[in-house]
N, C-alpha and C. Protein backbone atom coordinates (compact mmCIF):
# COMPACT_ATOMS: atom_id res chain seq x y z
N TRP A 1 21.83 78.69 -8.87
CA TRP A 1 22.63 77.53 -9.17
C TRP A 1 21.78 76.27 -9.07
N LEU A 2 21.05 76.09 -7.99
CA LEU A 2 20.24 74.90 -7.78
C LEU A 2 19.16 74.77 -8.85
N ALA A 3 18.51 75.86 -9.20
CA ALA A 3 17.47 75.82 -10.23
C ALA A 3 18.05 75.35 -11.56
N GLU A 4 19.23 75.81 -11.89
CA GLU A 4 19.88 75.36 -13.13
C GLU A 4 20.12 73.86 -13.12
N LYS A 5 20.56 73.32 -12.00
CA LYS A 5 20.86 71.89 -11.88
C LYS A 5 19.58 71.06 -11.94
N LEU A 6 18.49 71.57 -11.40
CA LEU A 6 17.24 70.82 -11.35
C LEU A 6 16.40 70.97 -12.62
N ASP A 7 16.62 71.99 -13.38
CA ASP A 7 15.80 72.31 -14.53
C ASP A 7 15.86 71.22 -15.60
N SER A 8 14.68 70.83 -16.07
CA SER A 8 14.59 69.86 -17.17
C SER A 8 13.30 70.11 -17.94
N LYS A 9 13.18 69.51 -19.11
CA LYS A 9 11.96 69.66 -19.90
C LYS A 9 10.77 69.04 -19.19
N MET A 10 11.01 67.97 -18.46
CA MET A 10 9.92 67.28 -17.75
C MET A 10 9.48 68.04 -16.50
N LEU A 11 10.42 68.74 -15.87
CA LEU A 11 10.11 69.47 -14.64
C LEU A 11 10.93 70.76 -14.61
N PRO A 12 10.39 71.80 -15.25
CA PRO A 12 11.13 73.06 -15.27
C PRO A 12 11.30 73.63 -13.85
N ALA A 13 12.45 74.15 -13.57
CA ALA A 13 12.73 74.81 -12.29
C ALA A 13 13.06 76.26 -12.57
N LEU A 14 12.31 77.14 -11.93
CA LEU A 14 12.48 78.56 -12.16
C LEU A 14 12.82 79.27 -10.85
N THR A 15 13.42 80.42 -10.97
CA THR A 15 13.66 81.26 -9.80
C THR A 15 12.83 82.53 -9.96
N SER A 16 12.68 83.24 -8.87
CA SER A 16 11.90 84.47 -8.92
C SER A 16 12.49 85.49 -7.99
N GLU A 17 12.47 86.72 -8.43
CA GLU A 17 12.89 87.82 -7.56
C GLU A 17 11.70 88.41 -6.82
N HIS A 18 10.50 87.88 -7.10
CA HIS A 18 9.27 88.41 -6.50
C HIS A 18 8.47 87.30 -5.83
N ILE A 19 9.16 86.42 -5.13
CA ILE A 19 8.51 85.24 -4.56
C ILE A 19 7.42 85.60 -3.56
N GLU A 20 7.62 86.65 -2.76
CA GLU A 20 6.59 87.01 -1.78
C GLU A 20 5.28 87.39 -2.49
N ALA A 21 5.38 88.18 -3.53
CA ALA A 21 4.17 88.57 -4.28
C ALA A 21 3.52 87.34 -4.93
N GLU A 22 4.33 86.44 -5.43
CA GLU A 22 3.78 85.21 -6.03
C GLU A 22 3.09 84.35 -4.98
N GLN A 23 3.64 84.32 -3.77
CA GLN A 23 3.00 83.56 -2.69
C GLN A 23 1.65 84.16 -2.32
N TRP A 24 1.57 85.49 -2.27
CA TRP A 24 0.29 86.14 -1.97
C TRP A 24 -0.72 85.88 -3.09
N ALA A 25 -0.26 85.87 -4.33
CA ALA A 25 -1.15 85.58 -5.45
C ALA A 25 -1.70 84.15 -5.37
N LYS A 26 -0.85 83.22 -5.02
CA LYS A 26 -1.29 81.83 -4.84
C LYS A 26 -2.23 81.72 -3.64
N LEU A 27 -1.92 82.44 -2.57
CA LEU A 27 -2.77 82.44 -1.39
C LEU A 27 -4.18 82.92 -1.75
N GLN A 28 -4.26 83.92 -2.61
CA GLN A 28 -5.57 84.42 -3.02
C GLN A 28 -6.43 83.29 -3.58
N LEU A 29 -5.86 82.47 -4.43
CA LEU A 29 -6.62 81.36 -5.01
C LEU A 29 -6.99 80.32 -3.97
N ASN A 30 -6.13 80.13 -2.97
CA ASN A 30 -6.39 79.13 -1.93
C ASN A 30 -7.46 79.56 -0.93
N LEU A 31 -7.91 80.80 -0.99
CA LEU A 31 -8.96 81.25 -0.08
C LEU A 31 -10.29 80.55 -0.36
N THR A 32 -10.37 79.86 -1.47
CA THR A 32 -11.56 79.06 -1.80
C THR A 32 -11.64 77.82 -0.91
N ASN A 33 -10.50 77.36 -0.44
CA ASN A 33 -10.39 76.10 0.30
C ASN A 33 -11.34 75.97 1.49
N PRO A 34 -11.35 76.91 2.45
CA PRO A 34 -12.23 76.72 3.60
C PRO A 34 -13.71 76.83 3.25
N VAL A 35 -14.02 77.62 2.23
CA VAL A 35 -15.43 77.73 1.83
C VAL A 35 -15.91 76.39 1.28
N ASN A 36 -15.07 75.74 0.51
CA ASN A 36 -15.43 74.42 0.00
C ASN A 36 -15.59 73.41 1.14
N ALA A 37 -14.72 73.51 2.13
CA ALA A 37 -14.81 72.60 3.28
C ALA A 37 -16.10 72.84 4.05
N LEU A 38 -16.46 74.09 4.25
CA LEU A 38 -17.67 74.42 5.00
C LEU A 38 -18.94 74.11 4.22
N ALA A 39 -18.88 74.28 2.91
CA ALA A 39 -20.04 73.98 2.07
C ALA A 39 -20.30 72.48 2.02
N ASN A 40 -19.22 71.70 2.11
CA ASN A 40 -19.32 70.24 2.09
C ASN A 40 -19.98 69.73 0.81
N ILE A 41 -19.61 70.36 -0.29
CA ILE A 41 -20.10 69.96 -1.61
C ILE A 41 -18.93 70.02 -2.59
N PRO A 42 -19.05 69.37 -3.74
CA PRO A 42 -17.97 69.46 -4.73
C PRO A 42 -17.70 70.92 -5.14
N LEU A 43 -16.47 71.19 -5.52
CA LEU A 43 -16.04 72.54 -5.88
C LEU A 43 -16.88 73.11 -7.02
N LYS A 44 -17.13 72.33 -8.05
CA LYS A 44 -17.92 72.81 -9.19
C LYS A 44 -19.29 73.28 -8.72
N GLN A 45 -19.94 72.50 -7.90
CA GLN A 45 -21.26 72.86 -7.38
C GLN A 45 -21.17 74.14 -6.54
N MET A 46 -20.12 74.26 -5.76
CA MET A 46 -19.93 75.45 -4.94
C MET A 46 -19.75 76.68 -5.82
N LEU A 47 -18.93 76.56 -6.86
CA LEU A 47 -18.67 77.71 -7.74
C LEU A 47 -19.89 78.09 -8.57
N GLU A 48 -20.81 77.19 -8.75
CA GLU A 48 -22.04 77.49 -9.49
C GLU A 48 -23.06 78.22 -8.62
N ASP A 49 -22.76 78.39 -7.34
CA ASP A 49 -23.65 79.05 -6.39
C ASP A 49 -23.11 80.46 -6.12
N ARG A 50 -23.83 81.48 -6.58
CA ARG A 50 -23.35 82.86 -6.44
C ARG A 50 -23.11 83.24 -4.98
N GLY A 51 -23.92 82.70 -4.09
CA GLY A 51 -23.73 83.01 -2.67
C GLY A 51 -22.36 82.59 -2.18
N PHE A 52 -21.94 81.38 -2.54
CA PHE A 52 -20.60 80.92 -2.14
C PHE A 52 -19.52 81.74 -2.84
N ARG A 53 -19.75 82.05 -4.11
CA ARG A 53 -18.75 82.86 -4.83
C ARG A 53 -18.57 84.22 -4.18
N LYS A 54 -19.66 84.83 -3.71
CA LYS A 54 -19.58 86.14 -3.06
C LYS A 54 -18.79 86.06 -1.75
N ILE A 55 -18.89 84.94 -1.07
CA ILE A 55 -18.11 84.75 0.16
C ILE A 55 -16.62 84.67 -0.19
N VAL A 56 -16.30 83.88 -1.19
CA VAL A 56 -14.90 83.78 -1.64
C VAL A 56 -14.40 85.16 -2.07
N ALA A 57 -15.24 85.89 -2.80
CA ALA A 57 -14.85 87.23 -3.25
C ALA A 57 -14.54 88.14 -2.06
N CYS A 58 -15.33 88.06 -1.01
CA CYS A 58 -15.10 88.87 0.19
C CYS A 58 -13.75 88.52 0.83
N LEU A 59 -13.45 87.23 0.93
CA LEU A 59 -12.17 86.79 1.49
C LEU A 59 -11.02 87.33 0.63
N MET A 60 -11.20 87.26 -0.69
CA MET A 60 -10.17 87.76 -1.60
C MET A 60 -10.01 89.27 -1.52
N GLU A 61 -11.12 89.98 -1.35
CA GLU A 61 -11.03 91.44 -1.25
C GLU A 61 -10.23 91.86 -0.02
N GLU A 62 -10.39 91.10 1.07
CA GLU A 62 -9.57 91.41 2.25
C GLU A 62 -8.09 91.20 1.94
N LEU A 63 -7.77 90.16 1.20
CA LEU A 63 -6.37 89.93 0.81
C LEU A 63 -5.87 91.06 -0.07
N LEU A 64 -6.67 91.49 -1.03
CA LEU A 64 -6.25 92.56 -1.93
C LEU A 64 -6.05 93.88 -1.17
N THR A 65 -6.91 94.14 -0.20
CA THR A 65 -6.75 95.33 0.64
C THR A 65 -5.43 95.26 1.42
N LEU A 66 -5.15 94.09 1.95
CA LEU A 66 -3.89 93.89 2.68
C LEU A 66 -2.70 94.09 1.75
N CYS A 67 -2.76 93.52 0.57
CA CYS A 67 -1.65 93.68 -0.39
C CYS A 67 -1.45 95.14 -0.75
N ASP A 68 -2.54 95.88 -0.92
CA ASP A 68 -2.42 97.32 -1.19
C ASP A 68 -1.73 98.02 -0.03
N ALA A 69 -2.15 97.69 1.19
CA ALA A 69 -1.57 98.33 2.38
C ALA A 69 -0.09 98.01 2.54
N LYS A 70 0.30 96.81 2.11
CA LYS A 70 1.71 96.39 2.22
C LYS A 70 2.49 96.70 0.94
N ASP A 71 1.84 97.35 -0.01
CA ASP A 71 2.45 97.70 -1.30
C ASP A 71 2.99 96.46 -2.03
N ILE A 72 2.20 95.40 -2.01
CA ILE A 72 2.56 94.17 -2.73
C ILE A 72 1.78 94.15 -4.04
N LYS A 73 2.50 94.09 -5.14
CA LYS A 73 1.90 94.03 -6.47
C LYS A 73 1.79 92.57 -6.88
N LEU A 74 0.56 92.07 -6.94
CA LEU A 74 0.36 90.66 -7.25
C LEU A 74 0.61 90.40 -8.73
N PRO A 75 1.42 89.39 -9.04
CA PRO A 75 1.61 89.01 -10.44
C PRO A 75 0.39 88.23 -10.93
N GLN A 76 0.20 88.21 -12.21
CA GLN A 76 -0.89 87.42 -12.78
C GLN A 76 -0.44 85.97 -12.90
N ILE A 77 -1.06 85.09 -12.12
CA ILE A 77 -0.69 83.67 -12.16
C ILE A 77 -1.83 82.81 -12.71
N ASN A 78 -2.88 83.47 -13.13
CA ASN A 78 -4.06 82.78 -13.62
C ASN A 78 -4.43 83.37 -14.98
N ALA A 79 -5.52 82.89 -15.56
CA ALA A 79 -5.94 83.41 -16.86
C ALA A 79 -6.34 84.89 -16.80
N VAL A 80 -6.78 85.33 -15.62
CA VAL A 80 -7.16 86.74 -15.44
C VAL A 80 -6.38 87.31 -14.26
N PRO A 81 -6.19 88.61 -14.24
CA PRO A 81 -5.50 89.22 -13.09
C PRO A 81 -6.27 88.96 -11.79
N GLY A 82 -5.53 88.76 -10.71
CA GLY A 82 -6.13 88.47 -9.41
C GLY A 82 -7.12 89.53 -8.96
N ARG A 83 -6.90 90.77 -9.33
CA ARG A 83 -7.80 91.86 -8.92
C ARG A 83 -9.18 91.71 -9.57
N TRP A 84 -9.26 91.03 -10.69
CA TRP A 84 -10.54 90.85 -11.37
C TRP A 84 -11.35 89.70 -10.79
N ILE A 85 -10.69 88.76 -10.14
CA ILE A 85 -11.37 87.54 -9.70
C ILE A 85 -12.55 87.83 -8.77
N PRO A 86 -12.41 88.68 -7.74
CA PRO A 86 -13.59 88.94 -6.90
C PRO A 86 -14.77 89.50 -7.69
N ARG A 87 -14.50 90.37 -8.65
CA ARG A 87 -15.59 90.93 -9.47
C ARG A 87 -16.26 89.84 -10.28
N ILE A 88 -15.46 88.97 -10.84
CA ILE A 88 -16.01 87.87 -11.64
C ILE A 88 -16.83 86.94 -10.75
N MET A 89 -16.33 86.67 -9.55
CA MET A 89 -17.03 85.77 -8.64
C MET A 89 -18.40 86.31 -8.23
N LYS A 90 -18.56 87.62 -8.20
CA LYS A 90 -19.82 88.24 -7.78
C LYS A 90 -20.85 88.34 -8.91
N LEU A 91 -20.45 88.03 -10.12
CA LEU A 91 -21.38 88.16 -11.24
C LEU A 91 -22.61 87.27 -11.04
N PRO A 92 -23.75 87.69 -11.57
CA PRO A 92 -24.92 86.81 -11.56
C PRO A 92 -24.57 85.48 -12.26
N ASP A 93 -25.26 84.43 -11.88
CA ASP A 93 -24.93 83.09 -12.38
C ASP A 93 -24.82 83.01 -13.90
N PHE A 94 -25.77 83.60 -14.62
CA PHE A 94 -25.75 83.47 -16.08
C PHE A 94 -24.50 84.12 -16.68
N LEU A 95 -24.05 85.25 -16.12
CA LEU A 95 -22.83 85.89 -16.60
C LEU A 95 -21.58 85.13 -16.15
N PHE A 96 -21.60 84.64 -14.91
CA PHE A 96 -20.45 83.89 -14.42
C PHE A 96 -20.22 82.65 -15.29
N LYS A 97 -21.30 81.99 -15.70
CA LYS A 97 -21.14 80.79 -16.53
C LYS A 97 -20.48 81.11 -17.86
N LEU A 98 -20.62 82.34 -18.33
CA LEU A 98 -19.96 82.76 -19.57
C LEU A 98 -18.52 83.21 -19.30
N VAL A 99 -18.38 84.16 -18.38
CA VAL A 99 -17.07 84.77 -18.11
C VAL A 99 -16.15 83.82 -17.36
N GLY A 100 -16.68 83.07 -16.41
CA GLY A 100 -15.86 82.20 -15.58
C GLY A 100 -15.95 80.74 -15.96
N ARG A 101 -16.28 80.46 -17.22
CA ARG A 101 -16.50 79.05 -17.60
C ARG A 101 -15.29 78.16 -17.38
N LYS A 102 -14.08 78.71 -17.49
CA LYS A 102 -12.89 77.89 -17.23
C LYS A 102 -12.80 77.50 -15.75
N MET A 103 -13.32 78.37 -14.87
CA MET A 103 -13.29 78.07 -13.44
C MET A 103 -14.19 76.89 -13.10
N ILE A 104 -15.27 76.72 -13.87
CA ILE A 104 -16.21 75.64 -13.56
C ILE A 104 -16.09 74.47 -14.52
N ASP A 105 -15.14 74.55 -15.43
CA ASP A 105 -14.88 73.42 -16.33
C ASP A 105 -13.91 72.47 -15.63
N ILE A 106 -14.42 71.84 -14.57
CA ILE A 106 -13.61 70.97 -13.72
C ILE A 106 -14.38 69.69 -13.42
N ASP A 107 -13.69 68.73 -12.88
CA ASP A 107 -14.31 67.47 -12.46
C ASP A 107 -15.47 67.79 -11.52
N PRO A 108 -16.67 67.32 -11.84
CA PRO A 108 -17.83 67.65 -11.01
C PRO A 108 -17.80 67.02 -9.61
N THR A 109 -16.84 66.14 -9.36
CA THR A 109 -16.75 65.53 -8.03
C THR A 109 -15.57 66.06 -7.21
N ALA A 110 -14.75 66.93 -7.81
CA ALA A 110 -13.54 67.41 -7.14
C ALA A 110 -13.87 68.24 -5.90
N ARG A 111 -13.08 68.01 -4.86
CA ARG A 111 -13.16 68.79 -3.62
C ARG A 111 -11.75 69.23 -3.28
N LEU A 112 -11.66 70.26 -2.47
CA LEU A 112 -10.35 70.82 -2.15
C LEU A 112 -9.75 70.16 -0.91
N SER A 113 -8.46 70.38 -0.71
CA SER A 113 -7.70 69.68 0.32
C SER A 113 -8.24 69.88 1.73
N MET A 114 -8.75 71.06 2.03
CA MET A 114 -9.24 71.30 3.39
C MET A 114 -10.48 70.45 3.67
N TRP A 115 -11.31 70.25 2.66
CA TRP A 115 -12.47 69.36 2.82
C TRP A 115 -11.98 67.95 3.13
N TRP A 116 -10.98 67.49 2.39
CA TRP A 116 -10.45 66.14 2.61
C TRP A 116 -9.89 66.01 4.02
N ASP A 117 -9.15 67.02 4.47
CA ASP A 117 -8.59 66.97 5.82
C ASP A 117 -9.69 66.88 6.87
N LEU A 118 -10.68 67.76 6.77
CA LEU A 118 -11.78 67.73 7.76
C LEU A 118 -12.54 66.41 7.70
N SER A 119 -12.76 65.91 6.51
CA SER A 119 -13.51 64.66 6.36
C SER A 119 -12.77 63.47 6.95
N ASN A 120 -11.46 63.60 7.03
CA ASN A 120 -10.64 62.51 7.56
C ASN A 120 -10.12 62.79 8.96
N GLY A 121 -10.67 63.80 9.62
CA GLY A 121 -10.29 64.11 10.98
C GLY A 121 -8.86 64.60 11.13
N LYS A 122 -8.31 65.18 10.07
CA LYS A 122 -6.93 65.68 10.12
C LYS A 122 -6.92 67.19 10.32
N ALA A 123 -5.80 67.68 10.83
CA ALA A 123 -5.62 69.13 10.95
C ALA A 123 -5.55 69.73 9.55
N THR A 124 -6.13 70.89 9.40
CA THR A 124 -6.13 71.57 8.09
C THR A 124 -4.99 72.57 8.02
N GLU A 125 -4.88 73.21 6.87
CA GLU A 125 -3.88 74.25 6.66
C GLU A 125 -4.48 75.64 6.87
N ILE A 126 -5.58 75.74 7.63
CA ILE A 126 -6.27 77.02 7.82
C ILE A 126 -5.35 78.10 8.38
N ASP A 127 -4.44 77.73 9.28
CA ASP A 127 -3.53 78.73 9.85
C ASP A 127 -2.56 79.28 8.82
N PHE A 128 -2.29 78.50 7.77
CA PHE A 128 -1.32 78.91 6.75
C PHE A 128 -2.00 79.58 5.56
N ILE A 129 -3.31 79.53 5.52
CA ILE A 129 -4.05 80.18 4.43
C ILE A 129 -4.72 81.42 5.02
N ASN A 130 -5.93 81.28 5.47
CA ASN A 130 -6.66 82.43 6.01
C ASN A 130 -6.00 82.97 7.27
N GLY A 131 -5.45 82.08 8.09
CA GLY A 131 -4.77 82.52 9.32
C GLY A 131 -3.57 83.40 9.02
N ALA A 132 -2.84 83.09 7.97
CA ALA A 132 -1.68 83.91 7.58
C ALA A 132 -2.13 85.30 7.16
N LEU A 133 -3.24 85.37 6.48
CA LEU A 133 -3.79 86.66 6.05
C LEU A 133 -4.23 87.48 7.26
N VAL A 134 -4.92 86.85 8.19
CA VAL A 134 -5.36 87.55 9.42
C VAL A 134 -4.16 88.06 10.21
N ALA A 135 -3.14 87.21 10.36
CA ALA A 135 -1.94 87.60 11.12
C ALA A 135 -1.21 88.76 10.44
N ALA A 136 -1.09 88.71 9.13
CA ALA A 136 -0.43 89.80 8.41
C ALA A 136 -1.22 91.10 8.55
N GLY A 137 -2.54 90.98 8.55
CA GLY A 137 -3.37 92.17 8.75
C GLY A 137 -3.15 92.77 10.13
N LYS A 138 -3.10 91.91 11.15
CA LYS A 138 -2.89 92.39 12.52
C LYS A 138 -1.55 93.11 12.66
N GLU A 139 -0.54 92.61 11.96
CA GLU A 139 0.79 93.23 12.03
C GLU A 139 0.77 94.70 11.62
N ILE A 140 -0.13 95.04 10.71
CA ILE A 140 -0.18 96.43 10.24
C ILE A 140 -1.46 97.14 10.68
N GLY A 141 -2.21 96.53 11.57
CA GLY A 141 -3.42 97.16 12.10
C GLY A 141 -4.61 97.12 11.16
N LEU A 142 -4.66 96.12 10.28
CA LEU A 142 -5.76 95.98 9.32
C LEU A 142 -6.60 94.77 9.69
N ALA A 143 -7.86 95.01 9.97
CA ALA A 143 -8.77 93.90 10.30
C ALA A 143 -9.16 93.15 9.04
N CYS A 144 -9.25 91.85 9.17
CA CYS A 144 -9.72 90.97 8.09
C CYS A 144 -10.82 90.09 8.68
N PRO A 145 -11.98 90.69 8.98
CA PRO A 145 -13.01 89.99 9.75
C PRO A 145 -13.60 88.74 9.09
N ALA A 146 -13.78 88.76 7.80
CA ALA A 146 -14.34 87.58 7.14
C ALA A 146 -13.37 86.41 7.22
N ASN A 147 -12.10 86.67 6.95
CA ASN A 147 -11.09 85.62 7.05
C ASN A 147 -10.95 85.14 8.48
N GLU A 148 -11.02 86.05 9.44
CA GLU A 148 -10.92 85.67 10.84
C GLU A 148 -12.09 84.77 11.24
N ALA A 149 -13.28 85.08 10.76
CA ALA A 149 -14.45 84.26 11.07
C ALA A 149 -14.32 82.86 10.47
N VAL A 150 -13.80 82.78 9.27
CA VAL A 150 -13.61 81.48 8.62
C VAL A 150 -12.58 80.66 9.39
N VAL A 151 -11.51 81.29 9.83
CA VAL A 151 -10.50 80.59 10.63
C VAL A 151 -11.14 80.01 11.88
N LYS A 152 -11.93 80.80 12.58
CA LYS A 152 -12.57 80.33 13.81
C LYS A 152 -13.52 79.17 13.53
N LEU A 153 -14.27 79.24 12.45
CA LEU A 153 -15.19 78.15 12.11
C LEU A 153 -14.44 76.85 11.85
N ILE A 154 -13.40 76.92 11.03
CA ILE A 154 -12.63 75.71 10.71
C ILE A 154 -11.95 75.18 11.97
N GLN A 155 -11.37 76.05 12.78
CA GLN A 155 -10.73 75.60 14.02
C GLN A 155 -11.73 74.93 14.96
N GLU A 156 -12.95 75.45 15.01
CA GLU A 156 -13.99 74.84 15.85
C GLU A 156 -14.34 73.44 15.35
N ILE A 157 -14.42 73.28 14.06
CA ILE A 157 -14.69 71.96 13.48
C ILE A 157 -13.54 71.01 13.80
N GLU A 158 -12.32 71.48 13.66
CA GLU A 158 -11.15 70.65 14.00
C GLU A 158 -11.19 70.25 15.48
N ARG A 159 -11.50 71.21 16.33
CA ARG A 159 -11.49 70.96 17.78
C ARG A 159 -12.58 69.97 18.19
N THR A 160 -13.77 70.13 17.64
CA THR A 160 -14.90 69.29 18.05
C THR A 160 -15.05 68.03 17.21
N GLU A 161 -14.29 67.98 16.11
CA GLU A 161 -14.35 66.84 15.19
C GLU A 161 -15.78 66.57 14.71
N THR A 162 -16.51 67.65 14.44
CA THR A 162 -17.85 67.53 13.88
C THR A 162 -17.82 68.03 12.44
N GLN A 163 -18.69 67.50 11.62
CA GLN A 163 -18.79 67.95 10.24
C GLN A 163 -19.90 68.99 10.16
N LEU A 164 -19.55 70.19 9.81
CA LEU A 164 -20.52 71.26 9.66
C LEU A 164 -20.77 71.47 8.18
N THR A 165 -22.03 71.50 7.80
CA THR A 165 -22.40 71.81 6.43
C THR A 165 -23.29 73.04 6.47
N VAL A 166 -22.89 74.07 5.75
CA VAL A 166 -23.68 75.29 5.72
C VAL A 166 -23.96 75.68 4.28
N ASP A 167 -25.13 76.28 4.06
CA ASP A 167 -25.38 76.81 2.73
C ASP A 167 -24.81 78.22 2.68
N SER A 168 -24.85 78.82 1.51
CA SER A 168 -24.19 80.12 1.34
C SER A 168 -24.85 81.21 2.18
N THR A 169 -26.15 81.16 2.36
CA THR A 169 -26.82 82.17 3.18
C THR A 169 -26.40 82.03 4.64
N GLN A 170 -26.37 80.81 5.15
CA GLN A 170 -25.94 80.59 6.53
C GLN A 170 -24.51 81.07 6.73
N LEU A 171 -23.62 80.71 5.80
CA LEU A 171 -22.22 81.09 5.94
C LEU A 171 -22.07 82.61 5.84
N SER A 172 -22.80 83.24 4.94
CA SER A 172 -22.76 84.70 4.83
C SER A 172 -23.17 85.35 6.13
N ASN A 173 -24.21 84.81 6.76
CA ASN A 173 -24.67 85.36 8.04
C ASN A 173 -23.65 85.14 9.14
N ILE A 174 -23.06 83.96 9.18
CA ILE A 174 -22.07 83.65 10.21
C ILE A 174 -20.87 84.59 10.13
N ILE A 175 -20.38 84.81 8.92
CA ILE A 175 -19.19 85.66 8.80
C ILE A 175 -19.54 87.11 8.43
N GLN A 176 -20.82 87.39 8.45
CA GLN A 176 -21.34 88.75 8.26
C GLN A 176 -20.89 89.38 6.95
N ILE A 177 -21.14 88.67 5.87
CA ILE A 177 -20.86 89.18 4.54
C ILE A 177 -22.01 90.09 4.12
N ARG A 178 -21.68 91.26 3.65
CA ARG A 178 -22.71 92.15 3.11
C ARG A 178 -23.21 91.56 1.80
N ASN A 179 -24.44 91.82 1.48
CA ASN A 179 -25.03 91.33 0.22
C ASN A 179 -24.57 92.23 -0.93
N ALA A 180 -23.31 92.07 -1.30
CA ALA A 180 -22.72 92.93 -2.33
C ALA A 180 -22.97 92.40 -3.72
């Protein structure tokens, strides 16, 4: 009823019978947020670095494993299915620039919300992004170590109010990403 009343050409209002799956699909895309904050560089520059993309892919793979364990079928909310994104992110730079060109066809100065929060000394949404994934994993006995490590890093920055900048190799070592 409410969606019908709010619906307009300027601002369509839709309902969904699969909202939980849609939330998990959106969460998958938001896993880029803490990596951008930790990299402390514009998103485009971060996505052009295969090392950072592999870290994001690892975070996403943990989410996909969790969704499989919980029997959640992610809807396609992007140009490509969510299951393909980690594979695309891991591609060598020259292939990623071809296959993922829409991902990097963005404002070269754009940064994500978590970077803005940390830069302004504000609390981030880490508990609602990566933290939610870690908590859901714990509920069913599934470890999500990369996401857990990212949560701890961001929380430490929030607690100490220091700006940490890491390159992709340092971050991979900190969260123990395999060189996949």
